[in-house]
Amino acid sequence: MRLVFAGTPAPAVPALQRLLDAPRHEVVAVVTRPAKPAGRGRKQTASPVADLAAEHGIPVLTPAKPGDDDFLAELREFAPDCCPVVAYGALLPQRTLDIPTHGWVNLHFSLLPAWRGAAPVQHAILHGDDITGASTFRIEAGLDTGPVFGVTTETIRPTDTAGDLLERLARSGAELLVATMDGLASGELVAVPQAPDGVSIAPKLTVDDARVPWQQPARHIDRLVRACTPAPGAWTMLGDDRYKLGPVRPRLEGTLAPGEIRLTRAGVEVGTLDRDVTLTTVQPPGKRMLPAADWARGARLPEGARFV
């Protein structure tokens, strides 16, 4: 099939690469979000998907809005049979959805109808799910409500961060997306409507969501920090300073008040509602992320210092 691939961030790259390698399909163009400022110099930087497309000499379309008339005219000229999508990052109006013969097929990183929305991987970890996965479905007007072509499952490990889990799902999901394109090309694959029950919504986690609530149980804090790693990044306050934190390890007992800090030779322990947690990494303001033990050796904290 002739494919126009739509995607933007790094987790979309494995899927694009697998489609480029697939003998039954031809990626004739790529749609991605426009370049944006990045890094300390705020230099205009193309998306990871755009970079991969450029390496292969594939035309890259970067519409400000995917419903613009000029973009729709370009898309029609490429005459796609299908438009596979992975984390494109913009809503597609109906007149855009109507152009390819087989529609737009999204690879979504959850087992639909669970965790529809922008942050399915983060919410699966935050809510303590044991199993998640990826689904391919035909995009329609609703939020991730379209009929499903196929799924693949993935176990959530006890120490998984959102970054860890998304990396695995990006690889297994790429295989699922190619299999879906193969099934559509052969005419053997039929989409199945999503079940009406089991629906959950996964909105994007904000910086405010990522503040560590030390008054909560250690298990919740562990999940929250892992769900927010690497983005938006868990954080807490110490006095007037903001500190970013990496994953924590709940301990067997609790001897500290919520937020109370204890520096030891081995590292840093902090109290929660029930059990204490051990920090793994700490990023003081204006500095790089450090192993917690290294930060502890240089920290000069008053007695009874607390994160809040």
C-alpha atoms as a PDB file:
ATOM      1  CA  MET A   1       0.000   0.000   0.000  1.00  0.00           C
ATOM      2  CA  ARG A   2       0.941   3.637  -0.471  1.00  0.00           C
ATOM      3  CA  LEU A   3       1.328   5.107   3.023  1.00  0.00           C
ATOM      4  CA  VAL A   4       1.586   8.628   4.385  1.00  0.00           C
ATOM      5  CA  PHE A   5       2.930   8.263   7.924  1.00  0.00           C
ATOM      6  CA  ALA A   6       2.009  10.799  10.625  1.00  0.00           C
ATOM      7  CA  GLY A   7       4.065  11.075  13.819  1.00  0.00           C
ATOM      8  CA  THR A   8       6.310  13.435  15.738  1.00  0.00           C
ATOM      9  CA  PRO A   9       8.299  12.306  18.836  1.00  0.00           C
ATOM     10  CA  ALA A  10      10.945   9.630  19.323  1.00  0.00           C
ATOM     11  CA  PRO A  11       8.457   6.844  20.274  1.00  0.00           C
ATOM     12  CA  ALA A  12       7.040   7.111  16.729  1.00  0.00           C
ATOM     13  CA  VAL A  13      10.414   6.435  15.091  1.00  0.00           C
ATOM     14  CA  PRO A  14      10.457   2.610  15.467  1.00  0.00           C
ATOM     15  CA  ALA A  15       7.079   2.363  13.719  1.00  0.00           C
ATOM     16  CA  LEU A  16       8.211   4.538  10.816  1.00  0.00           C
ATOM     17  CA  GLN A  17      11.415   2.537  10.457  1.00  0.00           C
ATOM     18  CA  ARG A  18       9.524  -0.779  10.382  1.00  0.00           C
ATOM     19  CA  LEU A  19       7.155   0.545   7.725  1.00  0.00           C
ATOM     20  CA  LEU A  20      10.122   1.735   5.669  1.00  0.00           C
ATOM     21  CA  ASP A  21      11.541  -1.787   5.896  1.00  0.00           C
ATOM     22  CA  ALA A  22       8.227  -3.524   5.095  1.00  0.00           C
ATOM     23  CA  PRO A  23       8.336  -4.982   1.553  1.00  0.00           C
ATOM     24  CA  ARG A  24       4.569  -4.765   0.973  1.00  0.00           C
ATOM     25  CA  HIS A  25       4.306  -1.029   1.605  1.00  0.00           C
ATOM     26  CA  GLU A  26       5.734   2.253   0.354  1.00  0.00           C
ATOM     27  CA  VAL A  27       5.961   5.302   2.622  1.00  0.00           C
ATOM     28  CA  VAL A  28       5.502   8.115   0.115  1.00  0.00           C
ATOM     29  CA  ALA A  29       5.445  11.024   2.595  1.00  0.00           C
ATOM     30  CA  VAL A  30       5.563  11.878   6.287  1.00  0.00           C
ATOM     31  CA  VAL A  31       3.385  14.325   8.216  1.00  0.00           C
ATOM     32  CA  THR A  32       4.841  15.755  11.425  1.00  0.00           C
ATOM     33  CA  ARG A  33       4.532  18.783  13.685  1.00  0.00           C
ATOM     34  CA  PRO A  34       6.489  21.895  12.665  1.00  0.00           C
ATOM     35  CA  ALA A  35      10.007  22.474  14.016  1.00  0.00           C
ATOM     36  CA  LYS A  36      10.094  24.172  17.403  1.00  0.00           C
ATOM     37  CA  PRO A  37      12.724  25.782  19.678  1.00  0.00           C
ATOM     38  CA  ALA A  38      14.713  23.296  21.769  1.00  0.00           C
ATOM     39  CA  GLY A  39      17.819  23.237  23.968  1.00  0.00           C
ATOM     40  CA  ARG A  40      19.572  26.079  25.729  1.00  0.00           C
ATOM     41  CA  GLY A  41      20.005  28.023  22.512  1.00  0.00           C
ATOM     42  CA  ARG A  42      16.290  27.609  21.630  1.00  0.00           C
ATOM     43  CA  LYS A  43      17.296  26.607  18.104  1.00  0.00           C
ATOM     44  CA  GLN A  44      14.517  25.528  15.741  1.00  0.00           C
ATOM     45  CA  THR A  45      14.654  21.728  15.812  1.00  0.00           C
ATOM     46  CA  ALA A  46      12.867  19.276  13.536  1.00  0.00           C
ATOM     47  CA  SER A  47      11.018  16.328  15.058  1.00  0.00           C
ATOM     48  CA  PRO A  48      12.687  12.902  15.344  1.00  0.00           C
ATOM     49  CA  VAL A  49      10.235  11.590  12.734  1.00  0.00           C
ATOM     50  CA  ALA A  50      11.189  14.392  10.332  1.00  0.00           C
ATOM     51  CA  ASP A  51      14.867  13.570  10.826  1.00  0.00           C
ATOM     52  CA  LEU A  52      14.349   9.896   9.937  1.00  0.00           C
ATOM     53  CA  ALA A  53      12.261  10.797   6.888  1.00  0.00           C
ATOM     54  CA  ALA A  54      14.965  13.184   5.696  1.00  0.00           C
ATOM     55  CA  GLU A  55      17.586  10.434   6.026  1.00  0.00           C
ATOM     56  CA  HIS A  56      15.543   8.334   3.600  1.00  0.00           C
ATOM     57  CA  GLY A  57      14.740  11.176   1.208  1.00  0.00           C
ATOM     58  CA  ILE A  58      11.022  11.088   1.977  1.00  0.00           C
ATOM     59  CA  PRO A  59       8.970  14.290   1.569  1.00  0.00           C
ATOM     60  CA  VAL A  60       8.069  15.851   4.935  1.00  0.00           C
ATOM     61  CA  LEU A  61       4.836  17.813   5.405  1.00  0.00           C
ATOM     62  CA  THR A  62       4.587  20.107   8.444  1.00  0.00           C
ATOM     63  CA  PRO A  63       1.158  21.782   8.340  1.00  0.00           C
ATOM     64  CA  ALA A  64       0.356  24.291  11.059  1.00  0.00           C
ATOM     65  CA  LYS A  65      -3.105  22.697  11.069  1.00  0.00           C
ATOM     66  CA  PRO A  66      -3.862  19.338   9.408  1.00  0.00           C
ATOM     67  CA  GLY A  67      -7.126  20.734   8.059  1.00  0.00           C
ATOM     68  CA  ASP A  68      -5.515  23.534   6.031  1.00  0.00           C
ATOM     69  CA  ASP A  69      -6.500  23.581   2.358  1.00  0.00           C
ATOM     70  CA  ASP A  70      -2.893  23.584   1.114  1.00  0.00           C
ATOM     71  CA  PHE A  71      -2.067  20.520   3.204  1.00  0.00           C
ATOM     72  CA  LEU A  72      -5.162  18.649   2.026  1.00  0.00           C
ATOM     73  CA  ALA A  73      -4.225  19.352  -1.585  1.00  0.00           C
ATOM     74  CA  GLU A  74      -0.712  17.980  -0.988  1.00  0.00           C
ATOM     75  CA  LEU A  75      -2.101  14.912   0.754  1.00  0.00           C
ATOM     76  CA  ARG A  76      -4.438  14.162  -2.147  1.00  0.00           C
ATOM     77  CA  GLU A  77      -1.526  14.368  -4.581  1.00  0.00           C
ATOM     78  CA  PHE A  78       0.254  11.579  -2.680  1.00  0.00           C
ATOM     79  CA  ALA A  79      -2.889   9.415  -3.088  1.00  0.00           C
ATOM     80  CA  PRO A  80      -2.399   7.377   0.112  1.00  0.00           C
ATOM     81  CA  ASP A  81      -4.153   4.063   0.567  1.00  0.00           C
ATOM     82  CA  CYS A  82      -3.777   4.505   4.329  1.00  0.00           C
ATOM     83  CA  CYS A  83      -2.268   6.970   6.813  1.00  0.00           C
ATOM     84  CA  PRO A  84      -0.722   5.180   9.821  1.00  0.00           C
ATOM     85  CA  VAL A  85      -0.367   7.465  12.859  1.00  0.00           C
ATOM     86  CA  VAL A  86       1.836   7.299  15.962  1.00  0.00           C
ATOM     87  CA  ALA A  87       1.782  10.223  18.407  1.00  0.00           C
ATOM     88  CA  TYR A  88       1.277  12.873  15.739  1.00  0.00           C
ATOM     89  CA  GLY A  89       0.106  15.470  18.258  1.00  0.00           C
ATOM     90  CA  ALA A  90      -2.811  17.233  16.527  1.00  0.00           C
ATOM     91  CA  LEU A  91      -6.500  16.551  16.001  1.00  0.00           C
ATOM     92  CA  LEU A  92      -7.509  15.491  12.491  1.00  0.00           C
ATOM     93  CA  PRO A  93     -10.709  17.022  11.048  1.00  0.00           C
ATOM     94  CA  GLN A  94     -13.140  14.777   9.189  1.00  0.00           C
ATOM     95  CA  ARG A  95     -12.245  16.068   5.745  1.00  0.00           C
ATOM     96  CA  THR A  96      -8.639  15.035   6.420  1.00  0.00           C
ATOM     97  CA  LEU A  97      -9.723  11.615   7.683  1.00  0.00           C
ATOM     98  CA  ASP A  98     -11.749  11.037   4.504  1.00  0.00           C
ATOM     99  CA  ILE A  99      -8.833  11.245   2.046  1.00  0.00           C
ATOM    100  CA  PRO A 100      -7.059   7.839   2.300  1.00  0.00           C
ATOM    101  CA  THR A 101      -8.944   4.761   1.105  1.00  0.00           C
ATOM    102  CA  HIS A 102      -8.444   2.884   4.395  1.00  0.00           C
ATOM    103  CA  GLY A 103      -8.566   5.968   6.602  1.00  0.00           C
ATOM    104  CA  TRP A 104      -6.082   6.938   9.279  1.00  0.00           C
ATOM    105  CA  VAL A 105      -4.971   4.080  11.544  1.00  0.00           C
ATOM    106  CA  ASN A 106      -3.585   5.047  14.925  1.00  0.00           C
ATOM    107  CA  LEU A 107      -1.131   3.076  17.080  1.00  0.00           C
ATOM    108  CA  HIS A 108      -2.177   3.895  20.646  1.00  0.00           C
ATOM    109  CA  PHE A 109      -0.186   2.742  23.651  1.00  0.00           C
ATOM    110  CA  SER A 110      -2.938   1.138  25.721  1.00  0.00           C
ATOM    111  CA  LEU A 111      -5.427  -1.725  25.537  1.00  0.00           C
ATOM    112  CA  LEU A 112      -8.450   0.234  24.357  1.00  0.00           C
ATOM    113  CA  PRO A 113     -10.933   1.239  25.641  1.00  0.00           C
ATOM    114  CA  ALA A 114      -8.643   1.662  28.655  1.00  0.00           C
ATOM    115  CA  TRP A 115      -6.654   4.893  28.875  1.00  0.00           C
ATOM    116  CA  ARG A 116      -7.925   6.865  25.934  1.00  0.00           C
ATOM    117  CA  GLY A 117      -6.084  10.162  25.656  1.00  0.00           C
ATOM    118  CA  ALA A 118      -2.667  11.781  25.592  1.00  0.00           C
ATOM    119  CA  ALA A 119      -0.838   9.920  28.388  1.00  0.00           C
ATOM    120  CA  PRO A 120      -1.896   6.243  28.470  1.00  0.00           C
ATOM    121  CA  VAL A 121       1.490   4.883  29.552  1.00  0.00           C
ATOM    122  CA  GLN A 122       1.816   7.341  32.433  1.00  0.00           C
ATOM    123  CA  HIS A 123      -1.682   6.612  33.736  1.00  0.00           C
ATOM    124  CA  ALA A 124      -1.226   2.841  33.512  1.00  0.00           C
ATOM    125  CA  ILE A 125       1.778   3.144  35.843  1.00  0.00           C
ATOM    126  CA  LEU A 126       0.171   5.766  38.083  1.00  0.00           C
ATOM    127  CA  HIS A 127      -2.907   3.612  38.679  1.00  0.00           C
ATOM    128  CA  GLY A 128      -0.963   0.426  39.360  1.00  0.00           C
ATOM    129  CA  ASP A 129      -1.948  -1.602  36.291  1.00  0.00           C
ATOM    130  CA  ASP A 130      -0.153  -4.927  35.929  1.00  0.00           C
ATOM    131  CA  ILE A 131      -0.706  -5.263  32.175  1.00  0.00           C
ATOM    132  CA  THR A 132      -0.915  -2.713  29.398  1.00  0.00           C
ATOM    133  CA  GLY A 133      -0.225  -2.849  25.684  1.00  0.00           C
ATOM    134  CA  ALA A 134      -0.828  -1.183  22.346  1.00  0.00           C
ATOM    135  CA  SER A 135      -3.816  -1.057  19.995  1.00  0.00           C
ATOM    136  CA  THR A 136      -4.294  -0.139  16.365  1.00  0.00           C
ATOM    137  CA  PHE A 137      -7.622   1.462  15.510  1.00  0.00           C
ATOM    138  CA  ARG A 138      -9.290   3.530  12.823  1.00  0.00           C
ATOM    139  CA  ILE A 139      -9.418   7.182  13.815  1.00  0.00           C
ATOM    140  CA  GLU A 140     -12.850   8.779  13.962  1.00  0.00           C
ATOM    141  CA  ALA A 141     -14.262  11.976  15.435  1.00  0.00           C
ATOM    142  CA  GLY A 142     -14.264  10.790  19.086  1.00  0.00           C
ATOM    143  CA  LEU A 143     -11.243  10.641  21.378  1.00  0.00           C
ATOM    144  CA  ASP A 144      -9.626   7.250  20.627  1.00  0.00           C
ATOM    145  CA  THR A 145     -13.061   5.688  20.169  1.00  0.00           C
ATOM    146  CA  GLY A 146     -12.620   4.056  16.749  1.00  0.00           C
ATOM    147  CA  PRO A 147     -12.883   0.329  16.002  1.00  0.00           C
ATOM    148  CA  VAL A 148      -9.810  -1.750  16.842  1.00  0.00           C
ATOM    149  CA  PHE A 149      -7.787  -3.799  14.339  1.00  0.00           C
ATOM    150  CA  GLY A 150      -5.350  -5.496  16.724  1.00  0.00           C
ATOM    151  CA  VAL A 151      -3.624  -5.427  20.094  1.00  0.00           C
ATOM    152  CA  THR A 152      -0.369  -6.491  21.702  1.00  0.00           C
ATOM    153  CA  THR A 153       0.170  -6.803  25.453  1.00  0.00           C
ATOM    154  CA  GLU A 154       3.048  -5.802  27.715  1.00  0.00           C
ATOM    155  CA  THR A 155       3.688  -6.526  31.404  1.00  0.00           C
ATOM    156  CA  ILE A 156       4.359  -3.488  33.588  1.00  0.00           C
ATOM    157  CA  ARG A 157       7.424  -4.215  35.696  1.00  0.00           C
ATOM    158  CA  PRO A 158       7.643  -3.026  39.324  1.00  0.00           C
ATOM    159  CA  THR A 159      10.442  -0.563  38.553  1.00  0.00           C
ATOM    160  CA  ASP A 160       9.231   0.634  35.131  1.00  0.00           C
ATOM    161  CA  THR A 161       9.286   4.350  34.500  1.00  0.00           C
ATOM    162  CA  ALA A 162       7.046   5.784  31.798  1.00  0.00           C
ATOM    163  CA  GLY A 163      10.143   6.084  29.638  1.00  0.00           C
ATOM    164  CA  ASP A 164      11.080   2.414  30.118  1.00  0.00           C
ATOM    165  CA  LEU A 165       7.607   1.152  29.333  1.00  0.00           C
ATOM    166  CA  LEU A 166       7.083   3.455  26.356  1.00  0.00           C
ATOM    167  CA  GLU A 167      10.356   2.310  24.826  1.00  0.00           C
ATOM    168  CA  ARG A 168       9.204  -1.323  24.898  1.00  0.00           C
ATOM    169  CA  LEU A 169       5.725  -0.469  23.620  1.00  0.00           C
ATOM    170  CA  ALA A 170       7.188   1.569  20.768  1.00  0.00           C
ATOM    171  CA  ARG A 171       9.056  -1.525  19.558  1.00  0.00           C
ATOM    172  CA  SER A 172       6.237  -4.054  19.981  1.00  0.00           C
ATOM    173  CA  GLY A 173       3.697  -1.538  18.693  1.00  0.00           C
ATOM    174  CA  ALA A 174       5.751  -1.046  15.529  1.00  0.00           C
ATOM    175  CA  GLU A 175       5.353  -4.756  14.754  1.00  0.00           C
ATOM    176  CA  LEU A 176       1.612  -4.512  15.413  1.00  0.00           C
ATOM    177  CA  LEU A 177       1.283  -1.526  13.067  1.00  0.00           C
ATOM    178  CA  VAL A 178       3.035  -3.347  10.228  1.00  0.00           C
ATOM    179  CA  ALA A 179       0.818  -6.404  10.774  1.00  0.00           C
ATOM    180  CA  THR A 180      -2.235  -4.125  10.643  1.00  0.00           C
ATOM    181  CA  MET A 181      -1.089  -2.583   7.356  1.00  0.00           C
ATOM    182  CA  ASP A 182      -0.495  -6.091   5.971  1.00  0.00           C
ATOM    183  CA  GLY A 183      -3.986  -7.177   6.998  1.00  0.00           C
ATOM    184  CA  LEU A 184      -5.609  -4.132   5.434  1.00  0.00           C
ATOM    185  CA  ALA A 185      -3.656  -4.655   2.210  1.00  0.00           C
ATOM    186  CA  SER A 186      -4.792  -8.288   1.965  1.00  0.00           C
ATOM    187  CA  GLY A 187      -8.387  -7.457   2.879  1.00  0.00           C
ATOM    188  CA  GLU A 188      -8.342 -10.048   5.660  1.00  0.00           C
ATOM    189  CA  LEU A 189      -8.436  -7.636   8.630  1.00  0.00           C
ATOM    190  CA  VAL A 190     -11.701  -6.294  10.003  1.00  0.00           C
ATOM    191  CA  ALA A 191     -11.936  -3.676  12.736  1.00  0.00           C
ATOM    192  CA  VAL A 192     -13.977  -4.550  15.836  1.00  0.00           C
ATOM    193  CA  PRO A 193     -15.931  -1.888  17.776  1.00  0.00           C
ATOM    194  CA  GLN A 194     -14.567  -1.104  21.227  1.00  0.00           C
ATOM    195  CA  ALA A 195     -16.389  -2.501  24.244  1.00  0.00           C
ATOM    196  CA  PRO A 196     -18.765   0.019  25.864  1.00  0.00           C
ATOM    197  CA  ASP A 197     -17.443  -0.716  29.368  1.00  0.00           C
ATOM    198  CA  GLY A 198     -13.918  -0.460  30.759  1.00  0.00           C
ATOM    199  CA  VAL A 199     -13.413   3.055  29.405  1.00  0.00           C
ATOM    200  CA  SER A 200     -10.839   5.223  31.190  1.00  0.00           C
ATOM    201  CA  ILE A 201      -9.315   8.570  30.237  1.00  0.00           C
ATOM    202  CA  ALA A 202      -5.628   9.498  30.350  1.00  0.00           C
ATOM    203  CA  PRO A 203      -5.117  13.266  30.178  1.00  0.00           C
ATOM    204  CA  LYS A 204      -1.620  14.675  29.894  1.00  0.00           C
ATOM    205  CA  LEU A 205       0.213  14.896  33.241  1.00  0.00           C
ATOM    206  CA  THR A 206       1.132  18.495  34.006  1.00  0.00           C
ATOM    207  CA  VAL A 207       4.013  19.923  36.020  1.00  0.00           C
ATOM    208  CA  ASP A 208       1.572  20.539  38.875  1.00  0.00           C
ATOM    209  CA  ASP A 209       0.527  16.862  38.759  1.00  0.00           C
ATOM    210  CA  ALA A 210       4.185  15.879  39.157  1.00  0.00           C
ATOM    211  CA  ARG A 211       4.700  17.489  42.562  1.00  0.00           C
ATOM    212  CA  VAL A 212       5.425  14.714  45.079  1.00  0.00           C
ATOM    213  CA  PRO A 213       2.650  14.487  47.732  1.00  0.00           C
ATOM    214  CA  TRP A 214       4.586  13.328  50.777  1.00  0.00           C
ATOM    215  CA  GLN A 215       1.338  13.042  52.780  1.00  0.00           C
ATOM    216  CA  GLN A 216       0.327  10.124  50.527  1.00  0.00           C
ATOM    217  CA  PRO A 217       1.362   6.452  51.006  1.00  0.00           C
ATOM    218  CA  ALA A 218       4.767   5.336  49.715  1.00  0.00           C
ATOM    219  CA  ARG A 219       3.182   3.099  47.059  1.00  0.00           C
ATOM    220  CA  HIS A 220       1.349   6.048  45.502  1.00  0.00           C
ATOM    221  CA  ILE A 221       4.475   8.210  45.554  1.00  0.00           C
ATOM    222  CA  ASP A 222       6.501   5.424  43.923  1.00  0.00           C
ATOM    223  CA  ARG A 223       3.958   5.134  41.094  1.00  0.00           C
ATOM    224  CA  LEU A 224       3.637   8.891  40.630  1.00  0.00           C
ATOM    225  CA  VAL A 225       7.375   9.464  40.349  1.00  0.00           C
ATOM    226  CA  ARG A 226       7.810   6.592  37.883  1.00  0.00           C
ATOM    227  CA  ALA A 227       4.823   7.805  35.845  1.00  0.00           C
ATOM    228  CA  CYS A 228       6.381  11.282  35.636  1.00  0.00           C
ATOM    229  CA  THR A 229       9.825  10.019  34.595  1.00  0.00           C
ATOM    230  CA  PRO A 230      11.222  11.351  32.329  1.00  0.00           C
ATOM    231  CA  ALA A 231       8.458  13.894  31.691  1.00  0.00           C
ATOM    232  CA  PRO A 232       7.181  16.118  33.137  1.00  0.00           C
ATOM    233  CA  GLY A 233       9.615  15.111  35.900  1.00  0.00           C
ATOM    234  CA  ALA A 234       8.698  14.604  39.565  1.00  0.00           C
ATOM    235  CA  TRP A 235       9.656  17.469  41.870  1.00  0.00           C
ATOM    236  CA  THR A 236       9.439  18.769  45.412  1.00  0.00           C
ATOM    237  CA  MET A 237      10.342  21.893  47.362  1.00  0.00           C
ATOM    238  CA  LEU A 238      13.033  22.309  50.004  1.00  0.00           C
ATOM    239  CA  GLY A 239      12.680  25.777  51.431  1.00  0.00           C
ATOM    240  CA  ASP A 240      12.394  28.095  48.434  1.00  0.00           C
ATOM    241  CA  ASP A 241      14.201  25.720  46.071  1.00  0.00           C
ATOM    242  CA  ARG A 242      12.715  23.179  43.685  1.00  0.00           C
ATOM    243  CA  TYR A 243      14.366  19.763  43.432  1.00  0.00           C
ATOM    244  CA  LYS A 244      13.675  17.185  40.737  1.00  0.00           C
ATOM    245  CA  LEU A 245      13.611  13.553  41.826  1.00  0.00           C
ATOM    246  CA  GLY A 246      14.183  10.257  40.077  1.00  0.00           C
ATOM    247  CA  PRO A 247      12.375   7.028  41.035  1.00  0.00           C
ATOM    248  CA  VAL A 248      12.099   6.162  44.726  1.00  0.00           C
ATOM    249  CA  ARG A 249      12.267   2.796  46.499  1.00  0.00           C
ATOM    250  CA  PRO A 250       9.691   2.187  49.266  1.00  0.00           C
ATOM    251  CA  ARG A 251      11.189   0.777  52.450  1.00  0.00           C
ATOM    252  CA  LEU A 252       9.666  -1.823  54.751  1.00  0.00           C
ATOM    253  CA  GLU A 253       8.934   0.557  57.626  1.00  0.00           C
ATOM    254  CA  GLY A 254       8.281   4.204  58.364  1.00  0.00           C
ATOM    255  CA  THR A 255      10.188   6.151  61.009  1.00  0.00           C
ATOM    256  CA  LEU A 256      10.077   9.657  59.496  1.00  0.00           C
ATOM    257  CA  ALA A 257       7.302  12.251  59.285  1.00  0.00           C
ATOM    258  CA  PRO A 258       5.935  12.972  55.790  1.00  0.00           C
ATOM    259  CA  GLY A 259       8.609  14.853  53.829  1.00  0.00           C
ATOM    260  CA  GLU A 260      11.206  14.592  56.616  1.00  0.00           C
ATOM    261  CA  ILE A 261      14.696  13.961  55.231  1.00  0.00           C
ATOM    262  CA  ARG A 262      17.340  11.691  56.691  1.00  0.00           C
ATOM    263  CA  LEU A 263      20.822  11.705  55.171  1.00  0.00           C
ATOM    264  CA  THR A 264      22.793   8.494  55.591  1.00  0.00           C
ATOM    265  CA  ARG A 265      26.085   7.198  54.264  1.00  0.00           C
ATOM    266  CA  ALA A 266      24.124   5.094  51.782  1.00  0.00           C
ATOM    267  CA  GLY A 267      21.907   7.899  50.532  1.00  0.00           C
ATOM    268  CA  VAL A 268      18.693   9.762  51.337  1.00  0.00           C
ATOM    269  CA  GLU A 269      15.513   8.575  53.054  1.00  0.00           C
ATOM    270  CA  VAL A 270      12.260  10.549  53.126  1.00  0.00           C
ATOM    271  CA  GLY A 271       9.094   9.995  55.140  1.00  0.00           C
ATOM    272  CA  THR A 272       5.624   9.482  53.649  1.00  0.00           C
ATOM    273  CA  LEU A 273       2.194   8.771  55.147  1.00  0.00           C
ATOM    274  CA  ASP A 274       3.223   5.213  55.953  1.00  0.00           C
ATOM    275  CA  ARG A 275       6.613   3.818  54.887  1.00  0.00           C
ATOM    276  CA  ASP A 276       9.798   5.766  54.237  1.00  0.00           C
ATOM    277  CA  VAL A 277      11.245   5.851  50.732  1.00  0.00           C
ATOM    278  CA  THR A 278      14.850   5.873  49.538  1.00  0.00           C
ATOM    279  CA  LEU A 279      15.722   8.368  46.818  1.00  0.00           C
ATOM    280  CA  THR A 280      17.772   7.203  43.850  1.00  0.00           C
ATOM    281  CA  THR A 281      18.612  10.518  42.161  1.00  0.00           C
ATOM    282  CA  VAL A 282      18.254  14.188  43.058  1.00  0.00           C
ATOM    283  CA  GLN A 283      18.631  17.292  40.892  1.00  0.00           C
ATOM    284  CA  PRO A 284      19.262  20.458  42.917  1.00  0.00           C
ATOM    285  CA  PRO A 285      18.255  23.766  41.282  1.00  0.00           C
ATOM    286  CA  GLY A 286      20.646  24.790  38.518  1.00  0.00           C
ATOM    287  CA  LYS A 287      22.616  21.542  38.639  1.00  0.00           C
ATOM    288  CA  ARG A 288      22.590  18.171  36.935  1.00  0.00           C
ATOM    289  CA  MET A 289      20.838  15.074  38.225  1.00  0.00           C
ATOM    290  CA  LEU A 290      23.000  13.353  40.857  1.00  0.00           C
ATOM    291  CA  PRO A 291      22.944   9.986  42.584  1.00  0.00           C
ATOM    292  CA  ALA A 292      21.181  10.644  45.881  1.00  0.00           C
ATOM    293  CA  ALA A 293      24.199   9.426  47.863  1.00  0.00           C
ATOM    294  CA  ASP A 294      26.421  12.005  46.117  1.00  0.00           C
ATOM    295  CA  TRP A 295      23.962  14.786  46.853  1.00  0.00           C
ATOM    296  CA  ALA A 296      23.743  13.671  50.482  1.00  0.00           C
ATOM    297  CA  ARG A 297      27.501  13.906  50.955  1.00  0.00           C
ATOM    298  CA  GLY A 298      27.505  17.551  49.877  1.00  0.00           C
ATOM    299  CA  ALA A 299      24.193  18.642  51.372  1.00  0.00           C
ATOM    300  CA  ARG A 300      24.175  20.829  54.462  1.00  0.00           C
ATOM    301  CA  LEU A 301      20.675  20.480  55.815  1.00  0.00           C
ATOM    302  CA  PRO A 302      19.380  21.759  59.163  1.00  0.00           C
ATOM    303  CA  GLU A 303      17.962  19.298  61.665  1.00  0.00           C
ATOM    304  CA  GLY A 304      14.415  18.340  60.761  1.00  0.00           C
ATOM    305  CA  ALA A 305      14.636  19.550  57.148  1.00  0.00           C
ATOM    306  CA  ARG A 306      11.619  18.515  55.063  1.00  0.00           C
ATOM    307  CA  PHE A 307      10.560  18.324  51.469  1.00  0.00           C
ATOM    308  CA  VAL A 308       7.142  19.854  50.876  1.00  0.00           C
END
